Each structure stands twice: as C-alpha cells, then as structure tokens.
Amino acid sequence: MKEKRASTKVGSTPTVYDEFLKGFLKLECNNPSGSHKDRETFYFINKFGWGKKYIVASSGNAGISLAYWMREKAVVLVPEITPKRKIEAIHKFGAQVIVKGKYFYDSFKLVSKIAKTRGFINVSPGFVERWRGDAAISYELKELKPEYIFVPAADLALAYGIAYGFQDMLAKSLIEKPPTVVACVLPMIR
C-alpha cells in the first residue's frame, strides 16, 4: 500500500554540523519530494485520507510536496512571482497548477472558493494545522540540546511545529528547557 511504504521515507532527516556556521543544519530537503513541507503534507493526508482531492495556495514548497504525494489529486494555486522551476516541479508530479494573482495573498484569497466549488480539501496555511506534522523535528533535535533554532519561515508553520514539539517535551519532563525558536522571514520585494 502506498501510504505504508511512503511513511518510512518522511522525516528522520540527517542533521549535520557546518564548520562555517558553527552550528547544525537539519536537512529537511532530504524528504522524498525534496521539500521541507513533506512532514506537514504527510500529516494531513494521513488525517483526511489518501483517496481525497486536495488544494493548496503555495509560493512553491507546499505545492511541490502536495503534488509529489497526491499527483493528479492535487491542485496548487501559485502567484505570478513563483519561480518557474517550482511551477515546473509541481507540473512534473502531475498536479494541476493555477497561476493566479501577483503575490501569495492574491492566490490565498481564491483558494477557499475553488475548494468549495470543486469539493477539494483546502490544506493552505490557516485552514489546517499543518504545523503538527513538523513537531517531530524537535524530538529529532532533542539530544543536541540547542539553545537556539533558526527556522526559515513564510507561513510560520515549521517554526510553530518545532516550538510546539519542544513545549510538548517540556510538559512531559523530557527536557529541562526548550530552545528559543527564531523564525527567519525574508522581506517581500515589490
């Protein structure tokens, strides 16, 4: 069964020490789709079902992950500023891509309407708790006892999931002190 084979591939990504940065890097790009969004995608597909159809507003990575796992059962809305290579990757995996609006917010405004009219499950940020899929990362980092974790973020799901995982470990007395999770967001250039 597809779900069982795939479940062993998502997560448990390597952590490597970088001499230049003097810190550890978690290689979430080693997930099957090449996207750090695989844990989130796998979480909600297991929650809602593999036989369903899904839609997501994405700037690229969530769309790539959804397309990889759901193929033709996925629709991805992306803004015009999405890099062509990301759109091509989504197409390559078999999902329908709709390029609508100049920026992410423009695509995001349309996703609910399309989800309702086509009967798709909307897995865009804010519609499902995508971050729950990322909580396992903190458990994989536990032994490093980090003081800080820097997380690239656009919708904050990854950072929230990691912070939640450390708070969960604190509540279970598995750690004494959680690290400070810092979300690093690039400014939007217009």
N, C-alpha and C. Protein backbone atom coordinates (compact mmCIF):
# COMPACT_ATOMS: atom_id res chain seq x y z
N MET A 1 0.85 -1.18 0.00
CA MET A 1 0.00 0.00 0.00
C MET A 1 0.89 1.24 0.00
N LYS A 2 0.55 2.23 -0.80
CA LYS A 2 1.38 3.43 -0.96
C LYS A 2 1.67 4.13 0.36
N GLU A 3 0.65 4.30 1.21
CA GLU A 3 0.84 5.04 2.46
C GLU A 3 1.89 4.40 3.36
N LYS A 4 1.89 3.09 3.44
CA LYS A 4 2.81 2.42 4.34
C LYS A 4 4.24 2.50 3.84
N ARG A 5 4.45 2.35 2.56
CA ARG A 5 5.80 2.47 2.02
C ARG A 5 6.32 3.89 2.21
N ALA A 6 5.48 4.87 1.89
CA ALA A 6 5.89 6.27 1.95
C ALA A 6 6.16 6.73 3.37
N SER A 7 5.43 6.21 4.34
CA SER A 7 5.56 6.70 5.71
C SER A 7 6.96 6.49 6.27
N THR A 8 7.66 5.49 5.79
CA THR A 8 9.01 5.24 6.29
C THR A 8 10.02 6.20 5.68
N LYS A 9 9.63 6.93 4.65
CA LYS A 9 10.55 7.83 3.96
C LYS A 9 10.51 9.26 4.49
N VAL A 10 9.40 9.68 5.09
CA VAL A 10 9.25 11.07 5.52
C VAL A 10 9.85 11.25 6.90
N GLY A 11 10.61 12.32 7.07
CA GLY A 11 11.19 12.61 8.38
C GLY A 11 12.48 11.85 8.64
N SER A 12 12.91 11.89 9.89
CA SER A 12 14.19 11.31 10.29
C SER A 12 15.31 11.74 9.35
N THR A 13 15.29 13.01 8.98
CA THR A 13 16.30 13.55 8.08
C THR A 13 17.61 13.77 8.84
N PRO A 14 18.73 13.74 8.12
CA PRO A 14 20.02 13.90 8.81
C PRO A 14 20.25 15.30 9.36
N THR A 15 21.04 15.35 10.40
CA THR A 15 21.49 16.61 10.98
C THR A 15 23.00 16.61 10.84
N VAL A 16 23.55 17.67 10.25
CA VAL A 16 24.99 17.75 10.02
C VAL A 16 25.55 19.02 10.65
N TYR A 17 26.80 18.94 11.06
CA TYR A 17 27.47 20.11 11.63
C TYR A 17 28.15 20.87 10.51
N ASP A 18 27.97 22.19 10.49
CA ASP A 18 28.58 23.05 9.49
C ASP A 18 29.67 23.88 10.15
N GLU A 19 30.90 23.69 9.73
CA GLU A 19 32.05 24.40 10.32
C GLU A 19 31.95 25.91 10.13
N PHE A 20 31.53 26.33 8.94
CA PHE A 20 31.45 27.76 8.66
C PHE A 20 30.43 28.44 9.57
N LEU A 21 29.27 27.84 9.71
CA LEU A 21 28.21 28.42 10.54
C LEU A 21 28.42 28.15 12.03
N LYS A 22 29.25 27.16 12.32
CA LYS A 22 29.46 26.74 13.72
C LYS A 22 28.13 26.31 14.34
N GLY A 23 27.40 25.54 13.57
CA GLY A 23 26.10 25.06 14.04
C GLY A 23 25.62 23.89 13.22
N PHE A 24 24.51 23.33 13.65
CA PHE A 24 23.93 22.17 12.98
C PHE A 24 22.87 22.59 11.98
N LEU A 25 22.78 21.81 10.91
CA LEU A 25 21.75 22.01 9.89
C LEU A 25 20.90 20.74 9.82
N LYS A 26 19.61 20.89 9.82
CA LYS A 26 18.68 19.77 9.67
C LYS A 26 18.31 19.71 8.20
N LEU A 27 18.64 18.63 7.53
CA LEU A 27 18.47 18.55 6.09
C LEU A 27 17.08 18.06 5.70
N GLU A 28 16.10 18.91 5.89
CA GLU A 28 14.72 18.57 5.53
C GLU A 28 14.55 18.43 4.02
N CYS A 29 15.52 18.95 3.26
CA CYS A 29 15.47 18.77 1.80
C CYS A 29 15.67 17.31 1.42
N ASN A 30 16.05 16.46 2.35
CA ASN A 30 16.21 15.03 2.08
C ASN A 30 14.91 14.26 2.17
N ASN A 31 13.79 14.93 2.38
CA ASN A 31 12.49 14.27 2.33
C ASN A 31 12.21 13.89 0.88
N PRO A 32 11.30 12.95 0.63
CA PRO A 32 11.09 12.41 -0.71
C PRO A 32 10.84 13.43 -1.82
N SER A 33 10.06 14.46 -1.57
CA SER A 33 9.78 15.43 -2.64
C SER A 33 10.90 16.46 -2.78
N GLY A 34 11.82 16.48 -1.82
CA GLY A 34 12.86 17.50 -1.80
C GLY A 34 12.42 18.75 -1.07
N SER A 35 11.20 18.72 -0.55
CA SER A 35 10.63 19.88 0.15
C SER A 35 10.57 19.65 1.65
N HIS A 36 10.82 20.70 2.39
CA HIS A 36 10.69 20.62 3.85
C HIS A 36 9.22 20.52 4.27
N LYS A 37 8.30 20.62 3.36
CA LYS A 37 6.87 20.55 3.67
C LYS A 37 6.33 19.12 3.70
N ASP A 38 7.15 18.12 3.41
CA ASP A 38 6.65 16.74 3.37
C ASP A 38 6.05 16.28 4.69
N ARG A 39 6.63 16.66 5.80
CA ARG A 39 6.08 16.22 7.09
C ARG A 39 4.66 16.76 7.28
N GLU A 40 4.47 18.02 6.92
CA GLU A 40 3.14 18.64 7.03
C GLU A 40 2.16 17.95 6.09
N THR A 41 2.56 17.77 4.84
CA THR A 41 1.70 17.15 3.84
C THR A 41 1.32 15.74 4.26
N PHE A 42 2.28 14.98 4.70
CA PHE A 42 2.03 13.61 5.10
C PHE A 42 1.10 13.56 6.31
N TYR A 43 1.24 14.51 7.21
CA TYR A 43 0.37 14.58 8.38
C TYR A 43 -1.09 14.72 7.97
N PHE A 44 -1.41 15.72 7.14
CA PHE A 44 -2.82 15.93 6.83
C PHE A 44 -3.38 14.92 5.84
N ILE A 45 -2.55 14.34 4.97
CA ILE A 45 -3.06 13.28 4.09
C ILE A 45 -3.45 12.06 4.94
N ASN A 46 -2.62 11.74 5.91
CA ASN A 46 -2.98 10.63 6.80
C ASN A 46 -4.22 10.96 7.63
N LYS A 47 -4.40 12.23 7.96
CA LYS A 47 -5.57 12.64 8.75
C LYS A 47 -6.86 12.61 7.92
N PHE A 48 -6.82 13.15 6.71
CA PHE A 48 -8.03 13.28 5.90
C PHE A 48 -8.25 12.14 4.91
N GLY A 49 -7.19 11.47 4.49
CA GLY A 49 -7.34 10.32 3.60
C GLY A 49 -6.60 10.44 2.28
N TRP A 50 -6.08 9.32 1.85
CA TRP A 50 -5.32 9.25 0.61
C TRP A 50 -6.20 9.27 -0.63
N GLY A 51 -7.47 8.97 -0.48
CA GLY A 51 -8.38 8.95 -1.62
C GLY A 51 -9.04 10.28 -1.91
N LYS A 52 -8.73 11.30 -1.14
CA LYS A 52 -9.35 12.62 -1.29
C LYS A 52 -8.59 13.46 -2.31
N LYS A 53 -9.21 14.60 -2.66
CA LYS A 53 -8.57 15.58 -3.53
C LYS A 53 -8.26 16.80 -2.70
N TYR A 54 -7.09 17.40 -2.94
CA TYR A 54 -6.59 18.50 -2.12
C TYR A 54 -6.26 19.72 -2.96
N ILE A 55 -6.32 20.88 -2.29
CA ILE A 55 -5.93 22.13 -2.92
C ILE A 55 -5.11 22.93 -1.90
N VAL A 56 -4.11 23.66 -2.39
CA VAL A 56 -3.28 24.47 -1.51
C VAL A 56 -2.86 25.75 -2.25
N ALA A 57 -2.85 26.84 -1.51
CA ALA A 57 -2.24 28.07 -2.00
C ALA A 57 -0.79 28.00 -1.54
N SER A 58 0.14 28.21 -2.46
CA SER A 58 1.54 28.00 -2.14
C SER A 58 2.43 28.97 -2.90
N SER A 59 3.58 29.25 -2.30
CA SER A 59 4.60 30.01 -3.04
C SER A 59 5.59 29.03 -3.68
N GLY A 60 5.32 27.74 -3.51
CA GLY A 60 6.13 26.72 -4.18
C GLY A 60 6.34 25.44 -3.41
N ASN A 61 6.90 25.52 -2.21
CA ASN A 61 7.30 24.30 -1.49
C ASN A 61 6.14 23.42 -1.05
N ALA A 62 5.08 24.01 -0.50
CA ALA A 62 3.92 23.21 -0.11
C ALA A 62 3.27 22.59 -1.34
N GLY A 63 3.27 23.34 -2.43
CA GLY A 63 2.72 22.83 -3.69
C GLY A 63 3.52 21.66 -4.25
N ILE A 64 4.84 21.76 -4.18
CA ILE A 64 5.69 20.67 -4.65
C ILE A 64 5.43 19.42 -3.82
N SER A 65 5.37 19.57 -2.52
CA SER A 65 5.14 18.43 -1.64
C SER A 65 3.78 17.80 -1.90
N LEU A 66 2.72 18.61 -1.98
CA LEU A 66 1.39 18.08 -2.23
C LEU A 66 1.33 17.39 -3.59
N ALA A 67 1.94 17.99 -4.59
CA ALA A 67 1.96 17.39 -5.93
C ALA A 67 2.70 16.05 -5.92
N TYR A 68 3.81 15.97 -5.21
CA TYR A 68 4.58 14.73 -5.13
C TYR A 68 3.73 13.59 -4.55
N TRP A 69 3.04 13.88 -3.46
CA TRP A 69 2.29 12.83 -2.76
C TRP A 69 0.95 12.52 -3.40
N MET A 70 0.26 13.52 -3.93
CA MET A 70 -1.11 13.31 -4.40
C MET A 70 -1.26 13.33 -5.93
N ARG A 71 -0.21 13.67 -6.63
CA ARG A 71 -0.22 13.68 -8.10
C ARG A 71 -1.45 14.40 -8.67
N GLU A 72 -2.24 13.71 -9.46
CA GLU A 72 -3.39 14.33 -10.12
C GLU A 72 -4.54 14.66 -9.17
N LYS A 73 -4.45 14.24 -7.92
CA LYS A 73 -5.47 14.58 -6.92
C LYS A 73 -5.17 15.91 -6.24
N ALA A 74 -4.21 16.65 -6.77
CA ALA A 74 -3.81 17.92 -6.16
C ALA A 74 -3.99 19.08 -7.14
N VAL A 75 -4.43 20.21 -6.57
CA VAL A 75 -4.47 21.47 -7.30
C VAL A 75 -3.66 22.46 -6.47
N VAL A 76 -2.78 23.19 -7.14
CA VAL A 76 -1.90 24.13 -6.44
C VAL A 76 -2.08 25.52 -7.06
N LEU A 77 -2.46 26.48 -6.21
CA LEU A 77 -2.56 27.87 -6.63
C LEU A 77 -1.25 28.56 -6.28
N VAL A 78 -0.63 29.18 -7.25
CA VAL A 78 0.61 29.91 -7.01
C VAL A 78 0.49 31.31 -7.60
N PRO A 79 1.17 32.28 -6.99
CA PRO A 79 1.17 33.64 -7.55
C PRO A 79 2.14 33.73 -8.73
N GLU A 80 2.01 34.80 -9.48
CA GLU A 80 2.86 35.03 -10.66
C GLU A 80 4.34 35.10 -10.31
N ILE A 81 4.67 35.51 -9.10
CA ILE A 81 6.08 35.66 -8.73
C ILE A 81 6.75 34.33 -8.36
N THR A 82 6.01 33.22 -8.42
CA THR A 82 6.58 31.91 -8.10
C THR A 82 7.66 31.57 -9.13
N PRO A 83 8.83 31.14 -8.67
CA PRO A 83 9.88 30.76 -9.62
C PRO A 83 9.42 29.65 -10.58
N LYS A 84 9.77 29.81 -11.84
CA LYS A 84 9.38 28.86 -12.89
C LYS A 84 9.78 27.43 -12.55
N ARG A 85 10.95 27.24 -11.93
CA ARG A 85 11.41 25.88 -11.60
C ARG A 85 10.48 25.20 -10.60
N LYS A 86 9.87 25.98 -9.71
CA LYS A 86 8.92 25.41 -8.75
C LYS A 86 7.62 25.02 -9.45
N ILE A 87 7.16 25.87 -10.35
CA ILE A 87 5.94 25.55 -11.12
C ILE A 87 6.18 24.30 -11.96
N GLU A 88 7.35 24.20 -12.58
CA GLU A 88 7.68 23.02 -13.39
C GLU A 88 7.72 21.76 -12.54
N ALA A 89 8.24 21.85 -11.32
CA ALA A 89 8.29 20.68 -10.43
C ALA A 89 6.88 20.22 -10.07
N ILE A 90 5.99 21.17 -9.80
CA ILE A 90 4.60 20.83 -9.47
C ILE A 90 3.95 20.12 -10.66
N HIS A 91 4.14 20.67 -11.85
CA HIS A 91 3.61 20.05 -13.08
C HIS A 91 4.18 18.64 -13.27
N LYS A 92 5.48 18.52 -13.06
CA LYS A 92 6.16 17.23 -13.28
C LYS A 92 5.53 16.11 -12.45
N PHE A 93 5.08 16.44 -11.24
CA PHE A 93 4.49 15.42 -10.38
C PHE A 93 3.02 15.15 -10.71
N GLY A 94 2.43 15.91 -11.63
CA GLY A 94 1.10 15.61 -12.11
C GLY A 94 -0.04 16.44 -11.54
N ALA A 95 0.26 17.39 -10.70
CA ALA A 95 -0.80 18.23 -10.12
C ALA A 95 -1.20 19.32 -11.12
N GLN A 96 -2.41 19.81 -10.96
CA GLN A 96 -2.86 20.96 -11.73
C GLN A 96 -2.33 22.22 -11.06
N VAL A 97 -1.74 23.11 -11.83
CA VAL A 97 -1.23 24.37 -11.30
C VAL A 97 -2.08 25.51 -11.84
N ILE A 98 -2.53 26.36 -10.95
CA ILE A 98 -3.26 27.56 -11.34
C ILE A 98 -2.41 28.76 -10.90
N VAL A 99 -1.97 29.54 -11.85
CA VAL A 99 -1.19 30.74 -11.56
C VAL A 99 -2.19 31.90 -11.52
N LYS A 100 -2.36 32.45 -10.33
CA LYS A 100 -3.39 33.48 -10.15
C LYS A 100 -2.92 34.52 -9.15
N GLY A 101 -2.94 35.77 -9.56
CA GLY A 101 -2.56 36.86 -8.68
C GLY A 101 -1.07 37.13 -8.71
N LYS A 102 -0.74 38.34 -8.37
CA LYS A 102 0.68 38.72 -8.41
C LYS A 102 1.46 38.15 -7.22
N TYR A 103 0.84 38.19 -6.02
CA TYR A 103 1.51 37.74 -4.80
C TYR A 103 0.75 36.61 -4.14
N PHE A 104 1.36 35.98 -3.16
CA PHE A 104 0.76 34.84 -2.47
C PHE A 104 -0.63 35.19 -1.94
N TYR A 105 -0.79 36.34 -1.33
CA TYR A 105 -2.07 36.71 -0.75
C TYR A 105 -3.19 36.68 -1.79
N ASP A 106 -2.87 37.05 -3.02
CA ASP A 106 -3.87 37.04 -4.10
C ASP A 106 -4.34 35.61 -4.37
N SER A 107 -3.43 34.67 -4.41
CA SER A 107 -3.78 33.26 -4.60
C SER A 107 -4.53 32.73 -3.40
N PHE A 108 -4.07 33.11 -2.23
CA PHE A 108 -4.66 32.65 -0.98
C PHE A 108 -6.14 33.05 -0.88
N LYS A 109 -6.49 34.24 -1.37
CA LYS A 109 -7.87 34.71 -1.31
C LYS A 109 -8.81 33.84 -2.14
N LEU A 110 -8.31 33.19 -3.16
CA LEU A 110 -9.14 32.40 -4.06
C LEU A 110 -9.28 30.93 -3.66
N VAL A 111 -8.37 30.44 -2.84
CA VAL A 111 -8.31 29.00 -2.58
C VAL A 111 -9.58 28.44 -1.94
N SER A 112 -10.20 29.15 -1.03
CA SER A 112 -11.43 28.66 -0.38
C SER A 112 -12.57 28.51 -1.38
N LYS A 113 -12.70 29.49 -2.25
CA LYS A 113 -13.77 29.45 -3.25
C LYS A 113 -13.59 28.25 -4.18
N ILE A 114 -12.40 28.03 -4.65
CA ILE A 114 -12.15 26.91 -5.55
C ILE A 114 -12.34 25.58 -4.81
N ALA A 115 -11.89 25.52 -3.56
CA ALA A 115 -12.05 24.29 -2.77
C ALA A 115 -13.53 23.93 -2.63
N LYS A 116 -14.36 24.92 -2.36
CA LYS A 116 -15.80 24.67 -2.19
C LYS A 116 -16.45 24.24 -3.50
N THR A 117 -16.15 24.94 -4.58
CA THR A 117 -16.81 24.62 -5.85
C THR A 117 -16.37 23.27 -6.42
N ARG A 118 -15.13 22.86 -6.15
CA ARG A 118 -14.64 21.58 -6.68
C ARG A 118 -14.68 20.44 -5.66
N GLY A 119 -15.02 20.75 -4.41
CA GLY A 119 -15.09 19.70 -3.39
C GLY A 119 -13.73 19.20 -2.91
N PHE A 120 -12.72 20.06 -2.96
CA PHE A 120 -11.38 19.69 -2.51
C PHE A 120 -11.19 20.05 -1.04
N ILE A 121 -10.28 19.37 -0.38
CA ILE A 121 -9.89 19.72 0.98
C ILE A 121 -8.82 20.81 0.88
N ASN A 122 -9.07 21.93 1.51
CA ASN A 122 -8.15 23.07 1.49
C ASN A 122 -7.10 22.88 2.58
N VAL A 123 -5.86 22.69 2.18
CA VAL A 123 -4.77 22.46 3.14
C VAL A 123 -3.80 23.64 3.15
N SER A 124 -4.30 24.80 2.81
CA SER A 124 -3.48 26.01 2.84
C SER A 124 -3.23 26.42 4.28
N PRO A 125 -2.16 27.18 4.52
CA PRO A 125 -1.90 27.67 5.88
C PRO A 125 -3.13 28.39 6.43
N GLY A 126 -3.45 28.11 7.68
CA GLY A 126 -4.60 28.74 8.31
C GLY A 126 -5.88 27.93 8.20
N PHE A 127 -5.93 26.96 7.31
CA PHE A 127 -7.12 26.13 7.14
C PHE A 127 -6.97 24.78 7.83
N VAL A 128 -5.76 24.31 7.97
CA VAL A 128 -5.47 23.07 8.69
C VAL A 128 -4.24 23.31 9.55
N GLU A 129 -4.07 22.52 10.56
CA GLU A 129 -2.92 22.67 11.47
C GLU A 129 -1.70 21.97 10.87
N ARG A 130 -1.17 22.56 9.81
CA ARG A 130 -0.03 21.99 9.08
C ARG A 130 1.16 21.75 10.03
N TRP A 131 1.32 22.64 10.99
CA TRP A 131 2.46 22.61 11.91
C TRP A 131 2.56 21.30 12.69
N ARG A 132 1.46 20.60 12.89
CA ARG A 132 1.50 19.34 13.66
C ARG A 132 2.45 18.33 13.03
N GLY A 133 2.57 18.37 11.72
CA GLY A 133 3.50 17.47 11.04
C GLY A 133 4.95 17.78 11.33
N ASP A 134 5.25 19.01 11.74
CA ASP A 134 6.63 19.43 11.98
C ASP A 134 7.11 19.22 13.41
N ALA A 135 6.20 18.89 14.33
CA ALA A 135 6.56 18.75 15.74
C ALA A 135 7.62 17.67 15.96
N ALA A 136 7.63 16.64 15.13
CA ALA A 136 8.59 15.54 15.28
C ALA A 136 10.04 16.01 15.11
N ILE A 137 10.24 17.10 14.39
CA ILE A 137 11.60 17.61 14.18
C ILE A 137 12.27 17.91 15.52
N SER A 138 11.52 18.50 16.44
CA SER A 138 12.10 18.86 17.74
C SER A 138 12.57 17.61 18.49
N TYR A 139 11.84 16.53 18.37
CA TYR A 139 12.25 15.28 19.02
C TYR A 139 13.56 14.76 18.40
N GLU A 140 13.73 14.97 17.11
CA GLU A 140 14.96 14.55 16.44
C GLU A 140 16.15 15.44 16.82
N LEU A 141 15.88 16.64 17.29
CA LEU A 141 16.94 17.57 17.70
C LEU A 141 17.21 17.55 19.20
N LYS A 142 16.41 16.83 19.94
CA LYS A 142 16.46 16.83 21.41
C LYS A 142 17.85 16.57 21.97
N GLU A 143 18.54 15.59 21.47
CA GLU A 143 19.85 15.21 22.02
C GLU A 143 20.92 16.28 21.82
N LEU A 144 20.71 17.17 20.86
CA LEU A 144 21.67 18.25 20.64
C LEU A 144 21.59 19.33 21.72
N LYS A 145 20.49 19.37 22.44
CA LYS A 145 20.22 20.37 23.47
C LYS A 145 20.54 21.79 22.97
N PRO A 146 19.90 22.18 21.87
CA PRO A 146 20.20 23.50 21.30
C PRO A 146 19.67 24.64 22.17
N GLU A 147 20.39 25.76 22.12
CA GLU A 147 19.91 26.98 22.79
C GLU A 147 18.98 27.75 21.86
N TYR A 148 19.33 27.74 20.57
CA TYR A 148 18.56 28.45 19.55
C TYR A 148 18.34 27.54 18.36
N ILE A 149 17.19 27.72 17.72
CA ILE A 149 16.91 27.06 16.45
C ILE A 149 16.42 28.13 15.50
N PHE A 150 17.10 28.26 14.37
CA PHE A 150 16.73 29.23 13.36
C PHE A 150 15.98 28.50 12.26
N VAL A 151 14.80 29.00 11.94
CA VAL A 151 13.92 28.31 11.01
C VAL A 151 13.52 29.26 9.89
N PRO A 152 13.76 28.85 8.62
CA PRO A 152 13.24 29.67 7.52
C PRO A 152 11.73 29.61 7.56
N ALA A 153 11.07 30.74 7.40
CA ALA A 153 9.62 30.74 7.55
C ALA A 153 8.96 31.70 6.57
N ALA A 154 7.85 31.26 6.06
CA ALA A 154 6.98 32.14 5.28
C ALA A 154 5.64 32.21 5.99
N ASP A 155 5.07 31.02 6.28
CA ASP A 155 3.78 31.00 6.96
C ASP A 155 3.90 30.62 8.44
N LEU A 156 5.09 30.42 8.93
CA LEU A 156 5.41 30.13 10.32
C LEU A 156 5.01 28.72 10.80
N ALA A 157 4.45 27.89 9.93
CA ALA A 157 4.03 26.54 10.34
C ALA A 157 5.22 25.73 10.84
N LEU A 158 6.33 25.75 10.12
CA LEU A 158 7.50 24.98 10.51
C LEU A 158 8.03 25.43 11.88
N ALA A 159 8.18 26.72 12.06
CA ALA A 159 8.67 27.24 13.34
C ALA A 159 7.71 26.91 14.47
N TYR A 160 6.43 27.06 14.23
CA TYR A 160 5.43 26.77 15.25
C TYR A 160 5.46 25.29 15.63
N GLY A 161 5.55 24.42 14.62
CA GLY A 161 5.59 22.98 14.89
C GLY A 161 6.81 22.58 15.72
N ILE A 162 7.96 23.14 15.40
CA ILE A 162 9.18 22.83 16.15
C ILE A 162 9.05 23.36 17.59
N ALA A 163 8.59 24.58 17.73
CA ALA A 163 8.40 25.14 19.08
C ALA A 163 7.39 24.31 19.87
N TYR A 164 6.31 23.89 19.23
CA TYR A 164 5.30 23.07 19.90
C TYR A 164 5.91 21.74 20.37
N GLY A 165 6.72 21.12 19.54
CA GLY A 165 7.35 19.86 19.91
C GLY A 165 8.23 20.00 21.15
N PHE A 166 8.99 21.08 21.22
CA PHE A 166 9.83 21.30 22.41
C PHE A 166 8.97 21.59 23.64
N GLN A 167 7.88 22.33 23.48
CA GLN A 167 6.98 22.57 24.62
C GLN A 167 6.33 21.27 25.08
N ASP A 168 6.01 20.39 24.14
CA ASP A 168 5.44 19.09 24.47
C ASP A 168 6.45 18.26 25.28
N MET A 169 7.72 18.30 24.86
CA MET A 169 8.76 17.57 25.61
C MET A 169 8.95 18.16 27.00
N LEU A 170 8.86 19.48 27.11
CA LEU A 170 8.98 20.13 28.41
C LEU A 170 7.84 19.68 29.33
N ALA A 171 6.64 19.64 28.81
CA ALA A 171 5.47 19.23 29.60
C ALA A 171 5.59 17.77 30.05
N LYS A 172 6.28 16.96 29.27
CA LYS A 172 6.47 15.53 29.61
C LYS A 172 7.75 15.31 30.41
N SER A 173 8.42 16.39 30.80
CA SER A 173 9.69 16.35 31.54
C SER A 173 10.78 15.59 30.79
N LEU A 174 10.76 15.68 29.46
CA LEU A 174 11.80 15.05 28.65
C LEU A 174 12.99 15.97 28.45
N ILE A 175 12.76 17.28 28.65
CA ILE A 175 13.83 18.27 28.58
C ILE A 175 13.64 19.24 29.74
N GLU A 176 14.73 19.92 30.09
CA GLU A 176 14.65 20.89 31.19
C GLU A 176 14.28 22.28 30.71
N LYS A 177 14.73 22.63 29.51
CA LYS A 177 14.49 23.97 29.00
C LYS A 177 14.40 23.90 27.48
N PRO A 178 13.35 24.49 26.90
CA PRO A 178 13.25 24.49 25.44
C PRO A 178 14.17 25.55 24.84
N PRO A 179 14.61 25.33 23.62
CA PRO A 179 15.42 26.35 22.96
C PRO A 179 14.54 27.52 22.50
N THR A 180 15.18 28.61 22.17
CA THR A 180 14.48 29.74 21.56
C THR A 180 14.38 29.44 20.07
N VAL A 181 13.17 29.44 19.54
CA VAL A 181 12.96 29.20 18.12
C VAL A 181 12.80 30.55 17.44
N VAL A 182 13.67 30.81 16.45
CA VAL A 182 13.69 32.08 15.76
C VAL A 182 13.25 31.85 14.31
N ALA A 183 12.14 32.46 13.93
CA ALA A 183 11.64 32.36 12.56
C ALA A 183 12.32 33.44 11.71
N CYS A 184 12.95 33.04 10.65
CA CYS A 184 13.66 33.95 9.76
C CYS A 184 12.83 34.14 8.49
N VAL A 185 12.32 35.34 8.31
CA VAL A 185 11.44 35.64 7.20
C VAL A 185 12.12 36.65 6.30
N LEU A 186 12.15 36.36 5.00
CA LEU A 186 12.68 37.32 4.05
C LEU A 186 11.64 38.39 3.77
N PRO A 187 12.07 39.64 3.64
CA PRO A 187 11.08 40.69 3.33
C PRO A 187 10.56 40.51 1.90
N MET A 188 9.30 40.86 1.68
CA MET A 188 8.72 40.78 0.35
C MET A 188 9.20 41.96 -0.45
N ILE A 189 9.73 41.67 -1.62
CA ILE A 189 10.21 42.71 -2.50
C ILE A 189 9.13 42.97 -3.54
N ARG A 190 8.73 44.20 -3.66
CA ARG A 190 7.67 44.54 -4.63
C ARG A 190 8.22 45.32 -5.77
